[in-house]
Each structure stands twice: as structure tokens, then as C-alpha cells.
């Protein structure tokens, strides 16, 4: 499988020639809102991910460390949304869903597959434009992108601990939901 791949940008502010790369912009983008993460774990994430985070990593780093520090509680209530403290807006917390899955995926990667790309430092795309039809939001812009490096994974495997191990191994199910896990810099080459 070769690039270009198809990337969805919820902000809608990318242009041809732009690049996506890790940084320390700890902003969560949601529809027409932006929120700056104000986490007590910022020092720890800066130590663990010295080069920075992707936009996905900015969304999920607080839930990752919150679960790590309060593992028993969150494993007992695995389907709760993880409150993430934010500043610069009317609300004090955003409730980030799928935090337990992202925690388990990153924890498994660190322990068993350390050479694989961290999801907290990656950007995501689909191998073809047609797959985006399943994304469920016609109002988000789609871009053709070319990453510096990438891995192909089946995101349908992210729902269980056994599945997450298979995800990192590169296993594909009979009807995979393919995602491209891209390492930056990722160049925007066209707007669809």
C-alpha cells in the first residue's frame, strides 16, 4: 500500500503544502470549540514524549495518565468518559470518550511493541477515499496526505485486550477497518 492516504481534519484549516507533525500544542478541537488541556500530568507527558504529541495525543494524554494513576477505578468503570481538565473556556472539564481503549493500546504498545508508532504521537488516515464515507460526518474536510513513515492496522481490533495485541501485530480481521497510523511529518498534497 502506497500513499497518498486520506486524512480527516476536524478543524478544517489545512492547506496544500502544510505539514502535520508532533508539537506541544495541547489543544483539543471539537466541532466549533477549542479547549486547552490543563493537566496535572503535563510534566510527566513532556518527560515521556520529549518530542511532543500529535493532535490525537493532545486529546488522549490526560486520560492515559489519569487511568495509569487510578487504574483500579477506571478498569472497574471502563466505559465512563474520562474527565479532562481544560482552561480558557466556560467548562472546566471535557469528557473524553474511548480513553480506556487508548490507554490499553498505548500501554500494550509500550510493554510489548515498543518499536511501533505511538498513537499519541501519530496522525491517522484511511487507505482510500471511499472508506471515509463510513466516518459519519459529511461536514469535515478530507485531505490527501503523504507521511514520512506509516503502519497499517485494523482499528476494529481496538475493542479488547486480545484484539489490541493483534492490532499491534498487524493482524487483519476478515472485514478489517483499515487505518493508516502515520508518523510525521505528514505532508498535505491535495484537498478532496
N, C-alpha and C. Protein backbone atom coordinates (compact mmCIF):
# COMPACT_ATOMS: atom_id res chain seq x y z
N UNK A 1 0.85 -1.17 0.00
CA UNK A 1 0.00 0.00 0.00
C UNK A 1 0.89 1.23 0.00
N UNK A 2 0.57 2.15 -0.86
CA UNK A 2 1.39 3.35 -1.02
C UNK A 2 0.55 4.62 -0.86
N UNK A 3 1.15 5.69 -0.35
CA UNK A 3 0.44 6.97 -0.26
C UNK A 3 0.16 7.52 -1.66
N UNK A 4 -0.74 8.47 -1.81
CA UNK A 4 -1.33 9.25 -0.72
C UNK A 4 -2.45 8.50 -0.01
N UNK A 5 -2.70 8.95 1.25
CA UNK A 5 -3.78 8.44 2.06
C UNK A 5 -4.77 9.58 2.32
N UNK A 6 -5.89 9.25 2.96
CA UNK A 6 -6.97 10.22 3.15
C UNK A 6 -7.15 10.53 4.63
N UNK A 7 -6.94 11.79 4.98
CA UNK A 7 -6.94 12.26 6.36
C UNK A 7 -8.10 13.23 6.57
N UNK A 8 -8.82 13.07 7.67
CA UNK A 8 -9.91 13.97 8.04
C UNK A 8 -9.37 14.98 9.05
N UNK A 9 -9.69 16.26 8.83
CA UNK A 9 -9.24 17.32 9.73
C UNK A 9 -10.46 18.04 10.29
N UNK A 10 -10.75 17.81 11.57
CA UNK A 10 -11.93 18.42 12.20
C UNK A 10 -11.86 19.95 12.23
N UNK A 11 -10.66 20.49 12.27
CA UNK A 11 -10.52 21.96 12.29
C UNK A 11 -10.79 22.57 10.92
N UNK A 12 -10.42 21.86 9.88
CA UNK A 12 -10.66 22.34 8.53
C UNK A 12 -9.76 23.48 8.11
N UNK A 13 -8.59 23.59 8.70
CA UNK A 13 -7.73 24.74 8.37
C UNK A 13 -6.43 24.35 7.68
N UNK A 14 -6.37 23.13 7.14
CA UNK A 14 -5.17 22.72 6.42
C UNK A 14 -5.20 23.21 4.98
N UNK A 15 -4.02 23.40 4.42
CA UNK A 15 -3.87 23.79 3.01
C UNK A 15 -2.83 22.90 2.37
N UNK A 16 -2.88 22.81 1.05
CA UNK A 16 -1.87 22.06 0.33
C UNK A 16 -0.49 22.63 0.66
N UNK A 17 0.45 21.75 0.98
CA UNK A 17 1.81 22.17 1.36
C UNK A 17 2.02 22.21 2.87
N UNK A 18 0.95 22.22 3.66
CA UNK A 18 1.08 22.19 5.12
C UNK A 18 1.63 20.83 5.55
N UNK A 19 2.21 20.80 6.74
CA UNK A 19 2.66 19.53 7.31
C UNK A 19 2.07 19.35 8.70
N UNK A 20 1.79 18.10 9.02
CA UNK A 20 1.34 17.71 10.35
C UNK A 20 2.55 17.09 11.04
N UNK A 21 2.81 17.50 12.26
CA UNK A 21 3.92 16.92 12.99
C UNK A 21 3.65 17.09 14.48
N UNK A 22 4.40 16.35 15.28
CA UNK A 22 4.20 16.44 16.72
C UNK A 22 4.72 17.78 17.23
N UNK A 23 4.10 18.24 18.33
CA UNK A 23 4.45 19.53 18.92
C UNK A 23 3.89 19.57 20.34
N UNK A 24 3.92 20.73 20.95
CA UNK A 24 3.39 20.89 22.31
C UNK A 24 2.16 21.78 22.34
N UNK A 25 1.35 21.76 21.29
CA UNK A 25 0.06 22.46 21.28
C UNK A 25 -0.95 21.53 21.95
N UNK A 26 -1.25 21.77 23.21
CA UNK A 26 -2.12 20.88 23.98
C UNK A 26 -3.58 21.32 23.87
N UNK A 27 -4.03 21.49 22.64
CA UNK A 27 -5.39 21.94 22.37
C UNK A 27 -6.23 20.78 21.88
N UNK A 28 -7.46 20.71 22.38
CA UNK A 28 -8.45 19.74 21.89
C UNK A 28 -9.43 20.51 21.02
N UNK A 29 -9.62 20.03 19.81
CA UNK A 29 -10.55 20.65 18.87
C UNK A 29 -11.81 19.80 18.80
N UNK A 30 -12.97 20.46 18.99
CA UNK A 30 -14.27 19.79 18.91
C UNK A 30 -15.21 20.69 18.16
N UNK A 31 -15.72 20.21 17.04
CA UNK A 31 -16.67 20.98 16.24
C UNK A 31 -16.20 22.42 16.12
N UNK A 32 -16.92 23.36 16.72
CA UNK A 32 -16.56 24.77 16.63
C UNK A 32 -15.89 25.28 17.90
N UNK A 33 -15.39 24.37 18.73
CA UNK A 33 -14.80 24.76 20.00
C UNK A 33 -13.34 24.31 20.08
N UNK A 34 -12.55 25.08 20.81
CA UNK A 34 -11.20 24.64 21.14
C UNK A 34 -11.02 24.76 22.64
N UNK A 35 -10.28 23.84 23.21
CA UNK A 35 -10.03 23.80 24.64
C UNK A 35 -8.56 23.46 24.87
N UNK A 36 -7.92 24.17 25.79
CA UNK A 36 -6.53 23.88 26.14
C UNK A 36 -6.50 22.95 27.34
N UNK A 37 -5.81 21.83 27.21
CA UNK A 37 -5.72 20.87 28.30
C UNK A 37 -4.89 21.47 29.42
N UNK A 38 -5.41 21.39 30.64
CA UNK A 38 -4.74 21.93 31.83
C UNK A 38 -4.55 20.77 32.82
N UNK A 39 -3.62 19.89 32.50
CA UNK A 39 -3.48 18.62 33.21
C UNK A 39 -2.34 18.64 34.22
N UNK A 40 -2.58 18.01 35.36
CA UNK A 40 -1.52 17.84 36.34
C UNK A 40 -0.46 16.87 35.85
N UNK A 41 -0.72 16.18 34.73
CA UNK A 41 0.23 15.21 34.19
C UNK A 41 1.09 15.79 33.06
N UNK A 42 1.02 17.10 32.83
CA UNK A 42 1.77 17.68 31.73
C UNK A 42 3.27 17.45 31.87
N UNK A 43 3.81 17.58 33.07
CA UNK A 43 5.24 17.35 33.27
C UNK A 43 5.63 15.92 32.93
N UNK A 44 4.78 14.99 33.31
CA UNK A 44 5.07 13.58 33.05
C UNK A 44 5.02 13.28 31.55
N UNK A 45 4.03 13.84 30.85
CA UNK A 45 3.93 13.58 29.41
C UNK A 45 5.11 14.22 28.68
N UNK A 46 5.53 15.40 29.13
CA UNK A 46 6.69 16.04 28.49
C UNK A 46 7.97 15.24 28.70
N UNK A 47 8.05 14.55 29.83
CA UNK A 47 9.21 13.69 30.09
C UNK A 47 9.15 12.42 29.24
N UNK A 48 7.97 11.82 29.15
CA UNK A 48 7.81 10.55 28.41
C UNK A 48 7.82 10.73 26.90
N UNK A 49 7.32 11.86 26.41
CA UNK A 49 7.21 12.13 24.97
C UNK A 49 7.94 13.44 24.68
N UNK A 50 9.23 13.44 24.82
CA UNK A 50 10.02 14.68 24.77
C UNK A 50 9.88 15.43 23.46
N UNK A 51 9.61 14.73 22.36
CA UNK A 51 9.50 15.39 21.06
C UNK A 51 8.15 16.09 20.87
N UNK A 52 7.14 15.69 21.63
CA UNK A 52 5.82 16.29 21.51
C UNK A 52 4.74 15.25 21.23
N UNK A 53 3.54 15.75 20.99
CA UNK A 53 2.36 14.91 20.74
C UNK A 53 1.69 15.32 19.44
N UNK A 54 0.91 14.41 18.90
CA UNK A 54 0.04 14.75 17.77
C UNK A 54 -1.25 15.35 18.34
N UNK A 55 -2.15 15.78 17.48
CA UNK A 55 -3.46 16.28 17.94
C UNK A 55 -4.20 15.17 18.69
N UNK A 56 -4.09 13.94 18.21
CA UNK A 56 -4.70 12.79 18.87
C UNK A 56 -4.09 12.62 20.28
N UNK A 57 -2.78 12.77 20.37
CA UNK A 57 -2.10 12.67 21.66
C UNK A 57 -2.53 13.76 22.63
N UNK A 58 -2.75 14.97 22.12
CA UNK A 58 -3.23 16.06 22.98
C UNK A 58 -4.59 15.73 23.57
N UNK A 59 -5.43 15.06 22.79
CA UNK A 59 -6.77 14.67 23.26
C UNK A 59 -6.68 13.57 24.32
N UNK A 60 -5.75 12.64 24.17
CA UNK A 60 -5.76 11.44 24.99
C UNK A 60 -4.66 11.34 26.04
N UNK A 61 -3.71 12.29 26.12
CA UNK A 61 -2.64 12.11 27.09
C UNK A 61 -3.16 12.20 28.52
N UNK A 62 -4.07 13.12 28.82
CA UNK A 62 -4.57 13.22 30.19
C UNK A 62 -5.31 11.94 30.59
N UNK A 63 -6.26 11.45 29.76
CA UNK A 63 -6.89 10.17 30.13
C UNK A 63 -5.88 9.04 30.30
N UNK A 64 -4.82 9.02 29.48
CA UNK A 64 -3.81 7.96 29.61
C UNK A 64 -3.19 7.97 31.01
N UNK A 65 -2.72 9.13 31.45
CA UNK A 65 -2.07 9.21 32.76
C UNK A 65 -3.08 9.13 33.90
N UNK A 66 -4.26 9.66 33.71
CA UNK A 66 -5.31 9.57 34.73
C UNK A 66 -5.65 8.10 35.00
N UNK A 67 -5.79 7.32 33.95
CA UNK A 67 -6.07 5.88 34.13
C UNK A 67 -4.86 5.19 34.74
N UNK A 68 -3.67 5.52 34.29
CA UNK A 68 -2.46 4.91 34.84
C UNK A 68 -2.37 5.13 36.36
N UNK A 69 -2.72 6.33 36.82
CA UNK A 69 -2.63 6.67 38.24
C UNK A 69 -3.81 6.16 39.05
N UNK A 70 -4.93 5.86 38.41
CA UNK A 70 -6.15 5.42 39.10
C UNK A 70 -6.70 4.17 38.42
N UNK A 71 -5.82 3.24 38.16
CA UNK A 71 -6.11 2.06 37.33
C UNK A 71 -7.30 1.25 37.85
N UNK A 72 -7.32 0.94 39.14
CA UNK A 72 -8.39 0.08 39.67
C UNK A 72 -9.77 0.69 39.43
N UNK A 73 -9.91 1.97 39.68
CA UNK A 73 -11.20 2.63 39.48
C UNK A 73 -11.62 2.56 38.01
N UNK A 74 -10.74 2.95 37.11
CA UNK A 74 -11.11 3.03 35.70
C UNK A 74 -11.29 1.66 35.06
N UNK A 75 -10.59 0.66 35.53
CA UNK A 75 -10.82 -0.68 34.98
C UNK A 75 -12.15 -1.24 35.46
N UNK A 76 -12.59 -0.80 36.64
CA UNK A 76 -13.90 -1.22 37.14
C UNK A 76 -15.02 -0.52 36.37
N UNK A 77 -14.81 0.73 35.99
CA UNK A 77 -15.81 1.52 35.27
C UNK A 77 -15.26 1.89 33.89
N UNK A 78 -14.94 0.87 33.12
CA UNK A 78 -14.20 1.06 31.87
C UNK A 78 -14.92 1.90 30.81
N UNK A 79 -16.22 1.98 30.87
CA UNK A 79 -16.92 2.68 29.79
C UNK A 79 -17.28 4.12 30.13
N UNK A 80 -16.78 4.61 31.25
CA UNK A 80 -17.00 6.02 31.59
C UNK A 80 -16.14 6.90 30.72
N UNK A 81 -16.65 8.08 30.45
CA UNK A 81 -15.82 9.06 29.77
C UNK A 81 -14.86 9.65 30.79
N UNK A 82 -13.65 9.93 30.35
CA UNK A 82 -12.62 10.39 31.28
C UNK A 82 -12.64 11.92 31.34
N UNK A 83 -12.90 12.52 32.52
CA UNK A 83 -12.88 13.97 32.62
C UNK A 83 -11.46 14.51 32.41
N UNK A 84 -11.34 15.46 31.51
CA UNK A 84 -10.06 16.06 31.18
C UNK A 84 -10.12 17.54 31.50
N UNK A 85 -9.29 18.04 32.43
CA UNK A 85 -9.36 19.45 32.80
C UNK A 85 -8.87 20.35 31.66
N UNK A 86 -9.62 21.43 31.42
CA UNK A 86 -9.27 22.38 30.36
C UNK A 86 -9.35 23.80 30.91
N UNK A 87 -8.66 24.70 30.26
CA UNK A 87 -8.71 26.12 30.63
C UNK A 87 -9.10 26.93 29.41
N UNK A 88 -9.43 28.17 29.64
CA UNK A 88 -9.73 29.08 28.54
C UNK A 88 -11.11 28.88 27.93
N UNK A 89 -12.02 28.27 28.67
CA UNK A 89 -13.39 28.10 28.17
C UNK A 89 -14.34 28.10 29.36
N UNK A 90 -15.63 28.10 29.06
CA UNK A 90 -16.64 28.13 30.12
C UNK A 90 -16.65 26.84 30.94
N UNK A 91 -16.37 25.72 30.30
CA UNK A 91 -16.39 24.46 31.04
C UNK A 91 -15.01 24.20 31.64
N UNK A 92 -14.99 23.48 32.74
CA UNK A 92 -13.72 23.16 33.40
C UNK A 92 -13.18 21.81 32.98
N UNK A 93 -14.07 20.94 32.46
CA UNK A 93 -13.68 19.60 32.04
C UNK A 93 -14.35 19.24 30.73
N UNK A 94 -13.63 18.50 29.91
CA UNK A 94 -14.22 17.82 28.77
C UNK A 94 -14.24 16.34 29.12
N UNK A 95 -15.26 15.66 28.67
CA UNK A 95 -15.34 14.23 28.92
C UNK A 95 -14.93 13.51 27.65
N UNK A 96 -13.74 12.93 27.68
CA UNK A 96 -13.14 12.29 26.52
C UNK A 96 -13.54 10.82 26.49
N UNK A 97 -14.21 10.42 25.41
CA UNK A 97 -14.62 9.02 25.31
C UNK A 97 -13.50 8.18 24.71
N UNK A 98 -13.60 6.88 24.89
CA UNK A 98 -12.63 5.88 24.41
C UNK A 98 -11.27 5.99 25.10
N UNK A 99 -11.21 6.68 26.21
CA UNK A 99 -9.95 6.83 26.92
C UNK A 99 -9.37 5.51 27.38
N UNK A 100 -10.22 4.58 27.81
CA UNK A 100 -9.72 3.29 28.30
C UNK A 100 -9.11 2.50 27.15
N UNK A 101 -9.69 2.57 25.96
CA UNK A 101 -9.14 1.86 24.80
C UNK A 101 -7.79 2.44 24.41
N UNK A 102 -7.69 3.77 24.40
CA UNK A 102 -6.41 4.41 24.05
C UNK A 102 -5.35 4.12 25.11
N UNK A 103 -5.76 4.09 26.38
CA UNK A 103 -4.83 3.75 27.45
C UNK A 103 -4.29 2.33 27.23
N UNK A 104 -5.20 1.38 26.99
CA UNK A 104 -4.79 0.00 26.82
C UNK A 104 -3.92 -0.17 25.57
N UNK A 105 -4.26 0.53 24.49
CA UNK A 105 -3.45 0.44 23.27
C UNK A 105 -2.03 0.97 23.51
N UNK A 106 -1.91 2.12 24.17
CA UNK A 106 -0.58 2.69 24.41
C UNK A 106 0.20 1.85 25.43
N UNK A 107 -0.48 1.39 26.48
CA UNK A 107 0.19 0.57 27.48
C UNK A 107 0.71 -0.71 26.84
N UNK A 108 -0.10 -1.35 26.00
CA UNK A 108 0.30 -2.59 25.32
C UNK A 108 1.46 -2.32 24.36
N UNK A 109 1.41 -1.21 23.64
CA UNK A 109 2.49 -0.87 22.71
C UNK A 109 3.80 -0.70 23.48
N UNK A 110 3.75 0.05 24.57
CA UNK A 110 4.97 0.31 25.35
C UNK A 110 5.58 -0.98 25.89
N UNK A 111 4.73 -1.87 26.39
CA UNK A 111 5.21 -3.08 27.03
C UNK A 111 5.61 -4.17 26.04
N UNK A 112 4.90 -4.31 24.94
CA UNK A 112 5.12 -5.46 24.05
C UNK A 112 5.60 -5.10 22.65
N UNK A 113 5.32 -3.86 22.20
CA UNK A 113 5.65 -3.47 20.82
C UNK A 113 6.28 -2.08 20.79
N UNK A 114 7.37 -1.86 21.51
CA UNK A 114 7.92 -0.51 21.67
C UNK A 114 8.43 0.12 20.37
N UNK A 115 8.67 -0.66 19.34
CA UNK A 115 9.16 -0.10 18.07
C UNK A 115 8.02 0.39 17.18
N UNK A 116 6.78 0.09 17.54
CA UNK A 116 5.63 0.56 16.76
C UNK A 116 5.38 2.04 17.08
N UNK A 117 4.72 2.74 16.16
CA UNK A 117 4.43 4.16 16.36
C UNK A 117 3.42 4.35 17.49
N UNK A 118 3.73 5.23 18.41
CA UNK A 118 2.78 5.56 19.48
C UNK A 118 1.58 6.26 18.87
N UNK A 119 0.38 5.86 19.28
CA UNK A 119 -0.83 6.53 18.80
C UNK A 119 -0.88 7.97 19.32
N UNK A 120 -0.20 8.25 20.44
CA UNK A 120 -0.19 9.59 21.00
C UNK A 120 0.72 10.53 20.22
N UNK A 121 1.53 9.98 19.33
CA UNK A 121 2.42 10.79 18.50
C UNK A 121 2.13 10.58 17.01
N UNK A 122 0.95 10.06 16.70
CA UNK A 122 0.62 9.72 15.31
C UNK A 122 -0.58 10.50 14.81
N UNK A 123 -0.64 10.55 13.49
CA UNK A 123 -1.81 11.05 12.77
C UNK A 123 -2.42 9.86 12.05
N UNK A 124 -3.69 9.97 11.70
CA UNK A 124 -4.41 8.82 11.16
C UNK A 124 -5.03 9.15 9.82
N UNK A 125 -5.13 8.13 8.99
CA UNK A 125 -5.72 8.29 7.67
C UNK A 125 -6.33 6.96 7.25
N UNK A 126 -7.01 6.99 6.11
CA UNK A 126 -7.58 5.80 5.50
C UNK A 126 -6.87 5.55 4.18
N UNK A 127 -6.82 4.27 3.77
CA UNK A 127 -6.12 3.96 2.53
C UNK A 127 -6.84 4.43 1.27
N UNK A 128 -8.14 4.67 1.35
CA UNK A 128 -8.88 5.14 0.17
C UNK A 128 -9.96 6.11 0.59
N UNK A 129 -10.35 6.96 -0.34
CA UNK A 129 -11.37 7.97 -0.05
C UNK A 129 -12.72 7.36 0.28
N UNK A 130 -13.06 6.21 -0.32
CA UNK A 130 -14.36 5.59 -0.09
C UNK A 130 -14.58 5.18 1.34
N UNK A 131 -13.51 4.85 2.06
CA UNK A 131 -13.64 4.44 3.46
C UNK A 131 -14.16 5.58 4.31
N UNK A 132 -13.87 6.80 3.92
CA UNK A 132 -14.28 7.96 4.71
C UNK A 132 -15.79 8.09 4.77
N UNK A 133 -16.49 7.52 3.81
CA UNK A 133 -17.95 7.55 3.84
C UNK A 133 -18.50 6.94 5.12
N UNK A 134 -17.74 6.06 5.75
CA UNK A 134 -18.18 5.44 7.00
C UNK A 134 -17.84 6.29 8.21
N UNK A 135 -17.15 7.40 8.01
CA UNK A 135 -16.73 8.25 9.12
C UNK A 135 -17.94 8.89 9.81
N UNK A 136 -18.99 9.17 9.05
CA UNK A 136 -20.23 9.63 9.64
C UNK A 136 -20.42 11.13 9.72
N UNK A 137 -19.55 11.92 9.14
CA UNK A 137 -19.71 13.36 9.18
C UNK A 137 -19.31 13.95 7.83
N UNK A 138 -20.31 14.37 7.08
CA UNK A 138 -20.05 14.93 5.75
C UNK A 138 -19.45 16.32 5.80
N UNK A 139 -19.45 16.95 6.97
CA UNK A 139 -19.01 18.34 7.08
C UNK A 139 -17.54 18.52 7.40
N UNK A 140 -16.80 17.44 7.51
CA UNK A 140 -15.38 17.57 7.81
C UNK A 140 -14.57 17.45 6.53
N UNK A 141 -13.58 18.32 6.36
CA UNK A 141 -12.77 18.27 5.15
C UNK A 141 -11.84 17.05 5.12
N UNK A 142 -11.59 16.57 3.93
CA UNK A 142 -10.73 15.41 3.71
C UNK A 142 -9.54 15.86 2.87
N UNK A 143 -8.36 15.39 3.26
CA UNK A 143 -7.12 15.78 2.60
C UNK A 143 -6.35 14.54 2.17
N UNK A 144 -5.69 14.63 1.03
CA UNK A 144 -4.73 13.60 0.64
C UNK A 144 -3.41 13.98 1.30
N UNK A 145 -2.80 12.98 1.94
CA UNK A 145 -1.56 13.23 2.68
C UNK A 145 -0.51 12.16 2.36
N UNK A 146 0.75 12.56 2.54
CA UNK A 146 1.88 11.65 2.36
C UNK A 146 2.73 11.72 3.64
N UNK A 147 2.79 10.61 4.40
CA UNK A 147 3.58 10.60 5.64
C UNK A 147 5.03 10.26 5.38
N UNK A 148 5.89 10.58 6.37
CA UNK A 148 7.29 10.18 6.28
C UNK A 148 7.43 8.68 6.57
N UNK A 149 6.53 8.14 7.38
CA UNK A 149 6.52 6.71 7.69
C UNK A 149 5.11 6.35 8.13
N UNK A 150 4.73 5.09 7.97
CA UNK A 150 3.38 4.69 8.37
C UNK A 150 3.32 3.20 8.65
N UNK A 151 2.25 2.82 9.37
CA UNK A 151 1.91 1.43 9.63
C UNK A 151 0.45 1.24 9.28
N UNK A 152 0.10 0.05 8.83
CA UNK A 152 -1.28 -0.29 8.51
C UNK A 152 -1.82 -1.15 9.65
N UNK A 153 -2.97 -0.77 10.19
CA UNK A 153 -3.59 -1.53 11.29
C UNK A 153 -5.10 -1.66 11.05
N UNK A 154 -5.69 -2.62 11.74
CA UNK A 154 -7.13 -2.87 11.68
C UNK A 154 -7.75 -2.30 12.96
N UNK A 155 -8.41 -1.13 12.84
CA UNK A 155 -8.92 -0.48 14.04
C UNK A 155 -10.11 -1.20 14.66
N UNK A 156 -10.69 -2.18 13.96
CA UNK A 156 -11.77 -2.96 14.59
C UNK A 156 -11.24 -3.83 15.72
N UNK A 157 -9.92 -3.97 15.82
CA UNK A 157 -9.31 -4.78 16.88
C UNK A 157 -9.07 -3.99 18.17
N UNK A 158 -9.40 -2.71 18.20
CA UNK A 158 -9.11 -1.88 19.37
C UNK A 158 -10.13 -2.01 20.50
N UNK A 159 -11.05 -2.97 20.41
CA UNK A 159 -12.12 -3.07 21.40
C UNK A 159 -11.86 -4.04 22.55
N UNK A 160 -10.73 -4.75 22.54
CA UNK A 160 -10.45 -5.69 23.63
C UNK A 160 -8.95 -5.84 23.80
N UNK A 161 -8.54 -6.34 24.96
CA UNK A 161 -7.12 -6.51 25.22
C UNK A 161 -6.49 -7.48 24.23
N UNK A 162 -7.16 -8.61 23.96
CA UNK A 162 -6.63 -9.57 22.99
C UNK A 162 -6.58 -8.93 21.60
N UNK A 163 -7.64 -8.19 21.26
CA UNK A 163 -7.67 -7.53 19.96
C UNK A 163 -6.55 -6.50 19.82
N UNK A 164 -6.27 -5.77 20.88
CA UNK A 164 -5.22 -4.75 20.82
C UNK A 164 -3.86 -5.38 20.57
N UNK A 165 -3.62 -6.53 21.14
CA UNK A 165 -2.35 -7.22 20.85
C UNK A 165 -2.28 -7.59 19.37
N UNK A 166 -3.38 -8.07 18.82
CA UNK A 166 -3.42 -8.42 17.39
C UNK A 166 -3.29 -7.15 16.53
N UNK A 167 -3.88 -6.05 16.98
CA UNK A 167 -3.74 -4.77 16.28
C UNK A 167 -2.27 -4.43 16.10
N UNK A 168 -1.49 -4.50 17.20
CA UNK A 168 -0.08 -4.14 17.12
C UNK A 168 0.74 -5.15 16.31
N UNK A 169 0.30 -6.40 16.26
CA UNK A 169 0.98 -7.40 15.44
C UNK A 169 0.75 -7.16 13.95
N UNK A 170 -0.28 -6.38 13.62
CA UNK A 170 -0.60 -6.14 12.22
C UNK A 170 -1.61 -7.12 11.65
N UNK A 171 -2.29 -7.85 12.53
CA UNK A 171 -3.30 -8.81 12.11
C UNK A 171 -4.48 -8.07 11.49
N UNK A 172 -5.05 -8.64 10.43
CA UNK A 172 -6.26 -8.08 9.82
C UNK A 172 -7.39 -9.09 9.97
N UNK A 173 -8.57 -8.60 10.38
CA UNK A 173 -9.74 -9.45 10.51
C UNK A 173 -10.31 -9.72 9.12
N UNK A 174 -11.34 -10.57 9.06
CA UNK A 174 -11.96 -10.91 7.77
C UNK A 174 -12.54 -9.68 7.09
N UNK A 175 -13.08 -8.75 7.88
CA UNK A 175 -13.61 -7.49 7.35
C UNK A 175 -12.95 -6.34 8.10
N UNK A 176 -11.72 -6.04 7.76
CA UNK A 176 -10.97 -5.04 8.54
C UNK A 176 -11.47 -3.62 8.32
N UNK A 177 -11.31 -2.81 9.36
CA UNK A 177 -11.47 -1.36 9.27
C UNK A 177 -10.06 -0.80 9.27
N UNK A 178 -9.51 -0.64 8.07
CA UNK A 178 -8.12 -0.26 7.94
C UNK A 178 -7.89 1.19 8.34
N UNK A 179 -6.82 1.42 9.07
CA UNK A 179 -6.37 2.77 9.34
C UNK A 179 -4.87 2.82 9.12
N UNK A 180 -4.43 3.96 8.66
CA UNK A 180 -3.01 4.21 8.47
C UNK A 180 -2.56 5.03 9.68
N UNK A 181 -1.60 4.50 10.43
CA UNK A 181 -1.03 5.19 11.58
C UNK A 181 0.25 5.85 11.07
N UNK A 182 0.21 7.19 10.99
CA UNK A 182 1.28 7.93 10.32
C UNK A 182 2.17 8.66 11.31
N UNK A 183 3.47 8.56 11.03
CA UNK A 183 4.46 9.32 11.78
C UNK A 183 4.78 10.58 10.98
N UNK A 184 4.92 11.70 11.67
CA UNK A 184 5.22 12.95 11.00
C UNK A 184 6.68 13.07 10.63
N UNK A 185 6.98 14.05 9.80
CA UNK A 185 5.99 14.96 9.23
C UNK A 185 5.12 14.30 8.16
N UNK A 186 3.88 14.76 8.12
CA UNK A 186 2.89 14.31 7.15
C UNK A 186 2.56 15.50 6.27
N UNK A 187 2.78 15.37 4.98
CA UNK A 187 2.56 16.48 4.06
C UNK A 187 1.16 16.42 3.45
N UNK A 188 0.48 17.56 3.45
CA UNK A 188 -0.82 17.67 2.78
C UNK A 188 -0.55 17.95 1.30
N UNK A 189 -1.03 17.04 0.43
CA UNK A 189 -0.73 17.19 -1.00
C UNK A 189 -1.95 17.57 -1.84
N UNK A 190 -3.17 17.41 -1.29
CA UNK A 190 -4.37 17.77 -2.05
C UNK A 190 -5.56 17.87 -1.10
N UNK A 191 -6.57 18.59 -1.52
CA UNK A 191 -7.83 18.72 -0.79
C UNK A 191 -8.88 17.99 -1.62
N UNK A 192 -9.61 17.08 -0.99
CA UNK A 192 -10.62 16.31 -1.71
C UNK A 192 -11.96 17.04 -1.76
